[in-house]
N, C-alpha and C. Protein backbone atom coordinates (compact mmCIF):
# COMPACT_ATOMS: atom_id res chain seq x y z
N MET A 1 0.85 -1.17 0.00
CA MET A 1 0.00 0.00 0.00
C MET A 1 0.89 1.23 0.00
N ALA A 2 0.77 2.05 -1.00
CA ALA A 2 1.59 3.26 -1.06
C ALA A 2 0.82 4.49 -0.59
N THR A 3 -0.37 4.74 -1.16
CA THR A 3 -1.11 5.95 -0.85
C THR A 3 -2.53 5.61 -0.41
N VAL A 4 -2.98 6.31 0.63
CA VAL A 4 -4.35 6.22 1.11
C VAL A 4 -4.93 7.63 1.13
N THR A 5 -6.13 7.79 0.61
CA THR A 5 -6.83 9.07 0.67
C THR A 5 -8.16 8.84 1.37
N PHE A 6 -8.47 9.69 2.35
CA PHE A 6 -9.71 9.55 3.09
C PHE A 6 -10.28 10.92 3.43
N GLU A 7 -11.60 10.97 3.57
CA GLU A 7 -12.27 12.22 3.91
C GLU A 7 -12.12 12.47 5.41
N ILE A 8 -11.83 13.72 5.75
CA ILE A 8 -11.76 14.14 7.15
C ILE A 8 -13.19 14.32 7.65
N VAL A 9 -13.56 13.60 8.70
CA VAL A 9 -14.91 13.71 9.24
C VAL A 9 -14.95 14.47 10.57
N ASN A 10 -13.84 14.51 11.29
CA ASN A 10 -13.71 15.25 12.55
C ASN A 10 -12.30 15.78 12.67
N TYR A 11 -12.16 16.85 13.43
CA TYR A 11 -10.82 17.35 13.72
C TYR A 11 -10.78 17.90 15.13
N GLN A 12 -9.55 18.02 15.65
CA GLN A 12 -9.32 18.57 16.98
C GLN A 12 -8.09 19.44 16.91
N ILE A 13 -8.14 20.59 17.57
CA ILE A 13 -6.99 21.49 17.63
C ILE A 13 -6.44 21.47 19.05
N GLN A 14 -5.14 21.31 19.16
CA GLN A 14 -4.46 21.33 20.46
C GLN A 14 -3.44 22.46 20.43
N LEU A 15 -3.41 23.25 21.49
CA LEU A 15 -2.41 24.31 21.63
C LEU A 15 -1.76 24.17 23.00
N GLY A 16 -0.46 24.39 23.06
CA GLY A 16 0.24 24.29 24.33
C GLY A 16 1.70 24.64 24.15
N TYR A 17 2.41 24.72 25.26
CA TYR A 17 3.83 25.08 25.20
C TYR A 17 4.67 23.96 24.62
N GLU A 18 4.41 22.73 25.03
CA GLU A 18 5.15 21.58 24.50
C GLU A 18 4.18 20.42 24.27
N ILE A 19 3.81 20.22 23.04
CA ILE A 19 2.97 19.09 22.67
C ILE A 19 3.88 18.06 22.03
N LYS A 20 3.90 16.87 22.58
CA LYS A 20 4.79 15.83 22.07
C LYS A 20 4.41 15.46 20.64
N GLY A 21 5.37 15.55 19.73
CA GLY A 21 5.13 15.25 18.33
C GLY A 21 5.18 13.77 18.01
N ALA A 22 5.04 13.47 16.75
CA ALA A 22 4.94 12.09 16.27
C ALA A 22 6.17 11.26 16.62
N GLY A 23 7.35 11.86 16.57
CA GLY A 23 8.56 11.09 16.80
C GLY A 23 8.96 11.01 18.26
N GLY A 24 8.26 11.72 19.12
CA GLY A 24 8.57 11.65 20.53
C GLY A 24 9.51 12.74 21.01
N SER A 25 10.37 13.28 20.13
CA SER A 25 11.33 14.28 20.57
C SER A 25 10.91 15.70 20.18
N ASP A 26 10.02 15.84 19.25
CA ASP A 26 9.60 17.15 18.78
C ASP A 26 8.68 17.80 19.82
N LYS A 27 8.92 19.04 20.12
CA LYS A 27 8.08 19.78 21.06
C LYS A 27 7.31 20.83 20.29
N SER A 28 6.15 20.46 19.83
CA SER A 28 5.31 21.35 19.03
C SER A 28 4.51 22.28 19.93
N ARG A 29 4.06 23.40 19.35
CA ARG A 29 3.22 24.35 20.06
C ARG A 29 1.75 24.15 19.73
N GLY A 30 1.48 23.40 18.66
CA GLY A 30 0.10 23.16 18.26
C GLY A 30 0.00 21.88 17.46
N CYS A 31 -1.21 21.36 17.38
CA CYS A 31 -1.46 20.15 16.61
C CYS A 31 -2.88 20.21 16.06
N LEU A 32 -3.02 19.91 14.78
CA LEU A 32 -4.32 19.74 14.15
C LEU A 32 -4.46 18.24 13.88
N ALA A 33 -5.34 17.60 14.64
CA ALA A 33 -5.56 16.16 14.51
C ALA A 33 -6.80 15.95 13.64
N CYS A 34 -6.63 15.25 12.52
CA CYS A 34 -7.72 15.01 11.57
C CYS A 34 -8.06 13.52 11.59
N PHE A 35 -9.36 13.24 11.67
CA PHE A 35 -9.82 11.86 11.80
C PHE A 35 -10.74 11.51 10.64
N GLY A 36 -10.56 10.31 10.09
CA GLY A 36 -11.38 9.83 8.99
C GLY A 36 -12.08 8.54 9.35
N GLU A 37 -12.82 8.01 8.38
CA GLU A 37 -13.47 6.72 8.56
C GLU A 37 -12.40 5.63 8.69
N SER A 38 -12.79 4.49 9.19
CA SER A 38 -11.91 3.32 9.33
C SER A 38 -10.68 3.60 10.19
N ARG A 39 -10.81 4.54 11.12
CA ARG A 39 -9.75 4.84 12.10
C ARG A 39 -8.50 5.48 11.53
N TYR A 40 -8.56 6.04 10.33
CA TYR A 40 -7.41 6.77 9.79
C TYR A 40 -7.25 8.09 10.52
N LYS A 41 -5.98 8.45 10.78
CA LYS A 41 -5.65 9.68 11.48
C LYS A 41 -4.50 10.38 10.76
N PHE A 42 -4.59 11.72 10.70
CA PHE A 42 -3.51 12.53 10.14
C PHE A 42 -3.28 13.69 11.08
N PHE A 43 -2.09 13.76 11.67
CA PHE A 43 -1.76 14.81 12.62
C PHE A 43 -0.78 15.78 11.96
N ILE A 44 -1.10 17.06 12.09
CA ILE A 44 -0.22 18.12 11.59
C ILE A 44 0.30 18.86 12.81
N TYR A 45 1.60 18.75 13.07
CA TYR A 45 2.23 19.38 14.21
C TYR A 45 2.83 20.72 13.78
N PHE A 46 2.70 21.72 14.64
CA PHE A 46 3.18 23.07 14.35
C PHE A 46 4.27 23.44 15.35
N SER A 47 5.47 23.71 14.83
CA SER A 47 6.62 23.98 15.67
C SER A 47 7.09 25.42 15.53
N PRO A 48 7.76 25.94 16.57
CA PRO A 48 8.26 27.31 16.52
C PRO A 48 9.24 27.49 15.35
N PRO A 49 9.31 28.71 14.80
CA PRO A 49 10.24 28.96 13.68
C PRO A 49 11.67 28.58 14.04
N GLY A 50 12.33 27.92 13.11
CA GLY A 50 13.73 27.55 13.29
C GLY A 50 13.96 26.29 14.10
N SER A 51 12.93 25.70 14.65
CA SER A 51 13.15 24.47 15.43
C SER A 51 13.23 23.27 14.49
N PRO A 52 13.97 22.22 14.89
CA PRO A 52 14.05 21.04 14.04
C PRO A 52 12.69 20.37 13.92
N LEU A 53 12.38 19.89 12.74
CA LEU A 53 11.09 19.26 12.47
C LEU A 53 11.26 17.75 12.33
N GLU A 54 10.39 17.01 12.97
CA GLU A 54 10.37 15.56 12.80
C GLU A 54 10.04 15.26 11.34
N PRO A 55 10.56 14.18 10.78
CA PRO A 55 10.21 13.84 9.40
C PRO A 55 8.75 13.39 9.29
N PRO A 56 8.13 13.61 8.13
CA PRO A 56 6.77 13.13 7.94
C PRO A 56 6.74 11.60 7.97
N ARG A 57 5.57 11.05 8.31
CA ARG A 57 5.47 9.59 8.36
C ARG A 57 4.06 9.14 8.05
N PHE A 58 3.96 7.89 7.64
CA PHE A 58 2.68 7.21 7.49
C PHE A 58 2.90 5.73 7.68
N SER A 59 2.16 5.16 8.61
CA SER A 59 2.19 3.72 8.85
C SER A 59 0.83 3.14 8.49
N PRO A 60 0.74 2.40 7.38
CA PRO A 60 -0.54 1.79 7.01
C PRO A 60 -1.10 0.86 8.09
N ASP A 61 -0.23 0.17 8.83
CA ASP A 61 -0.70 -0.75 9.87
C ASP A 61 -1.43 -0.02 10.99
N SER A 62 -0.89 1.13 11.40
CA SER A 62 -1.53 1.88 12.49
C SER A 62 -2.54 2.91 11.96
N LYS A 63 -2.58 3.08 10.63
CA LYS A 63 -3.47 4.05 9.99
C LYS A 63 -3.22 5.47 10.49
N TYR A 64 -1.95 5.76 10.75
CA TYR A 64 -1.54 7.05 11.30
C TYR A 64 -0.49 7.71 10.41
N GLY A 65 -0.73 8.98 10.08
CA GLY A 65 0.25 9.75 9.34
C GLY A 65 0.44 11.10 10.00
N SER A 66 1.58 11.74 9.71
CA SER A 66 1.84 13.05 10.29
C SER A 66 2.79 13.84 9.40
N ILE A 67 2.73 15.14 9.59
CA ILE A 67 3.72 16.06 9.06
C ILE A 67 4.00 17.09 10.15
N ASN A 68 5.13 17.74 10.04
CA ASN A 68 5.52 18.78 10.98
C ASN A 68 5.87 20.02 10.19
N VAL A 69 5.21 21.13 10.52
CA VAL A 69 5.42 22.37 9.78
C VAL A 69 5.61 23.53 10.75
N ASP A 70 6.08 24.64 10.21
CA ASP A 70 6.27 25.86 10.99
C ASP A 70 4.93 26.36 11.51
N ILE A 71 4.90 26.85 12.72
CA ILE A 71 3.65 27.32 13.33
C ILE A 71 3.02 28.47 12.56
N ASN A 72 3.82 29.18 11.78
CA ASN A 72 3.28 30.27 10.96
C ASN A 72 2.31 29.76 9.90
N GLU A 73 2.31 28.46 9.62
CA GLU A 73 1.39 27.85 8.65
C GLU A 73 0.09 27.37 9.29
N MET A 74 -0.01 27.44 10.61
CA MET A 74 -1.16 26.85 11.30
C MET A 74 -2.49 27.44 10.83
N ALA A 75 -2.57 28.74 10.67
CA ALA A 75 -3.83 29.37 10.26
C ALA A 75 -4.32 28.84 8.92
N ASN A 76 -3.41 28.55 8.00
CA ASN A 76 -3.80 28.02 6.69
C ASN A 76 -4.47 26.65 6.82
N TYR A 77 -3.89 25.78 7.63
CA TYR A 77 -4.45 24.44 7.80
C TYR A 77 -5.79 24.48 8.54
N VAL A 78 -5.86 25.28 9.61
CA VAL A 78 -7.10 25.38 10.37
C VAL A 78 -8.21 25.98 9.50
N ASP A 79 -7.88 26.99 8.71
CA ASP A 79 -8.85 27.59 7.80
C ASP A 79 -9.41 26.55 6.83
N LEU A 80 -8.55 25.71 6.32
CA LEU A 80 -8.98 24.68 5.37
C LEU A 80 -10.02 23.74 5.98
N VAL A 81 -9.75 23.21 7.18
CA VAL A 81 -10.70 22.25 7.77
C VAL A 81 -11.97 22.94 8.28
N ARG A 82 -11.87 24.20 8.64
CA ARG A 82 -13.06 24.91 9.13
C ARG A 82 -13.98 25.39 8.02
N ASN A 83 -13.41 25.73 6.87
CA ASN A 83 -14.19 26.43 5.86
C ASN A 83 -14.42 25.68 4.56
N GLU A 84 -13.81 24.55 4.38
CA GLU A 84 -13.99 23.80 3.14
C GLU A 84 -14.68 22.47 3.44
N LYS A 85 -15.40 21.98 2.47
CA LYS A 85 -16.04 20.67 2.61
C LYS A 85 -16.31 20.13 1.22
N PRO A 86 -15.91 18.94 0.93
CA PRO A 86 -15.16 18.03 1.79
C PRO A 86 -13.67 18.33 1.79
N VAL A 87 -12.99 17.85 2.83
CA VAL A 87 -11.53 17.94 2.95
C VAL A 87 -11.02 16.52 3.07
N TYR A 88 -9.93 16.24 2.37
CA TYR A 88 -9.35 14.90 2.34
C TYR A 88 -7.91 14.95 2.85
N ALA A 89 -7.46 13.84 3.41
CA ALA A 89 -6.05 13.63 3.73
C ALA A 89 -5.53 12.60 2.75
N SER A 90 -4.34 12.83 2.28
CA SER A 90 -3.65 11.87 1.42
C SER A 90 -2.34 11.51 2.12
N LEU A 91 -2.15 10.23 2.40
CA LEU A 91 -0.97 9.75 3.12
C LEU A 91 -0.23 8.74 2.27
N ASP A 92 1.08 8.86 2.22
CA ASP A 92 1.91 8.03 1.35
C ASP A 92 2.98 7.33 2.17
N SER A 93 2.95 6.00 2.21
CA SER A 93 3.91 5.25 3.01
C SER A 93 5.29 5.18 2.37
N ILE A 94 5.37 5.29 1.06
CA ILE A 94 6.66 5.24 0.37
C ILE A 94 7.33 6.61 0.37
N ASN A 95 6.54 7.66 0.13
CA ASN A 95 7.04 9.04 0.12
C ASN A 95 6.21 9.89 1.08
N PRO A 96 6.41 9.75 2.40
CA PRO A 96 5.57 10.48 3.35
C PRO A 96 5.71 11.99 3.27
N GLU A 97 6.75 12.48 2.61
CA GLU A 97 6.86 13.93 2.42
C GLU A 97 5.74 14.46 1.52
N LEU A 98 5.00 13.55 0.87
CA LEU A 98 3.85 13.92 0.04
C LEU A 98 2.53 13.93 0.84
N ASN A 99 2.57 13.62 2.14
CA ASN A 99 1.36 13.68 2.96
C ASN A 99 0.78 15.08 2.91
N LYS A 100 -0.57 15.16 2.80
CA LYS A 100 -1.17 16.49 2.66
C LYS A 100 -2.66 16.47 2.95
N LEU A 101 -3.22 17.67 3.16
CA LEU A 101 -4.65 17.90 3.18
C LEU A 101 -5.02 18.51 1.84
N MET A 102 -6.25 18.24 1.38
CA MET A 102 -6.67 18.80 0.10
C MET A 102 -8.19 18.83 0.02
N THR A 103 -8.68 19.63 -0.91
CA THR A 103 -10.11 19.67 -1.19
C THR A 103 -10.36 18.88 -2.47
N SER A 104 -11.64 18.70 -2.77
CA SER A 104 -11.98 18.13 -4.07
C SER A 104 -11.95 19.25 -5.10
N LEU A 105 -12.10 18.91 -6.35
CA LEU A 105 -12.15 19.89 -7.42
C LEU A 105 -13.40 20.73 -7.26
N GLU A 106 -13.24 22.06 -7.22
CA GLU A 106 -14.37 22.97 -7.02
C GLU A 106 -14.42 23.99 -8.14
N PRO A 107 -15.64 24.41 -8.51
CA PRO A 107 -15.74 25.46 -9.51
C PRO A 107 -15.26 26.80 -8.97
N ILE A 108 -14.74 27.64 -9.83
CA ILE A 108 -14.28 28.97 -9.46
C ILE A 108 -15.46 29.79 -8.94
N GLY A 109 -15.22 30.53 -7.85
CA GLY A 109 -16.24 31.43 -7.32
C GLY A 109 -17.40 30.75 -6.63
N GLU A 110 -17.24 29.47 -6.28
CA GLU A 110 -18.33 28.73 -5.66
C GLU A 110 -18.75 29.35 -4.33
N GLY A 111 -17.79 29.82 -3.56
CA GLY A 111 -18.10 30.36 -2.23
C GLY A 111 -18.46 29.25 -1.27
N GLU A 112 -18.58 29.59 -0.01
CA GLU A 112 -18.94 28.63 1.02
C GLU A 112 -20.21 29.10 1.69
N GLU A 113 -21.02 28.16 2.11
CA GLU A 113 -22.27 28.48 2.80
C GLU A 113 -22.14 28.32 4.28
């Protein structure tokens, strides 16, 4: 299994001084936890500028994937899950640096209700 794509059905935002990241050593300031059907999970950890970032990962067995990004990107990710529908996670076990959130194809100027 190389890539899994699933719709995000729930999410949770965590903020704190030190949130333990996916690798255990990363001390993130925020986390956007995205949950899909069949127990798939995608965690996006947000770290202070200039801090070392844990590598992205995806384990098909545990149905868990993650990426670590600069905290300055947090508003973009939170905006996506709050204001778009549907939102999908794409996780890649061979190339986890390709893990991402995305929307479906939408017409220009559709707007949100």
